[in-house]
Amino acid sequence: MTLPIISLSSFILSLFGVLGVTLFIYKSITIAVSKLGKINE
């Protein structure tokens, strides 16, 4: 009974980790684009 719970929690943690990394990359890209846009202006 404990194994499914552990696997589920680890799956959720990994899912949140992937979401966090994706959001971090997206934010860094948007910041870089905004900086490039300011330089071009």
Protein backbone atom coordinates (compact mmCIF):
# COMPACT_ATOMS: atom_id res chain seq x y z
CA MET A 1 0.00 0.00 0.00
CA THR A 2 2.92 2.37 0.64
CA LEU A 3 4.61 1.90 -2.76
CA PRO A 4 1.79 3.45 -4.88
CA ILE A 5 1.68 6.49 -2.58
CA ILE A 6 5.46 6.98 -2.84
CA SER A 7 5.42 6.61 -6.63
CA LEU A 8 2.48 9.02 -6.88
CA SER A 9 4.17 11.65 -4.71
CA SER A 10 7.44 11.32 -6.64
CA PHE A 11 5.50 11.62 -9.91
CA ILE A 12 3.77 14.79 -8.68
CA LEU A 13 7.09 16.21 -7.47
CA SER A 14 8.75 15.51 -10.83
CA LEU A 15 5.75 17.04 -12.62
CA PHE A 16 6.01 20.23 -10.54
CA GLY A 17 9.77 20.24 -11.15
CA VAL A 18 9.26 20.10 -14.92
CA LEU A 19 6.63 22.84 -14.72
CA GLY A 20 8.95 25.00 -12.61
CA VAL A 21 11.86 24.55 -15.03
CA THR A 22 9.60 25.33 -18.00
CA LEU A 23 8.30 28.50 -16.32
CA PHE A 24 11.86 29.54 -15.40
CA ILE A 25 13.06 29.07 -19.00
CA TYR A 26 9.99 30.92 -20.34
CA LYS A 27 10.56 33.85 -17.96
CA SER A 28 14.27 34.06 -18.79
CA ILE A 29 13.48 34.03 -22.53
CA THR A 30 10.86 36.77 -22.14
CA ILE A 31 13.31 38.87 -20.09
CA ALA A 32 16.03 38.39 -22.73
CA VAL A 33 13.60 39.32 -25.52
CA SER A 34 12.46 42.46 -23.67
CA LYS A 35 16.10 43.48 -23.10
CA LEU A 36 16.90 42.93 -26.80
CA GLY A 37 13.83 44.94 -27.75
CA LYS A 38 14.99 47.84 -25.56
CA ILE A 39 18.47 47.70 -27.11
CA ASN A 40 17.01 47.71 -30.65
CA GLU A 41 14.91 50.78 -29.85
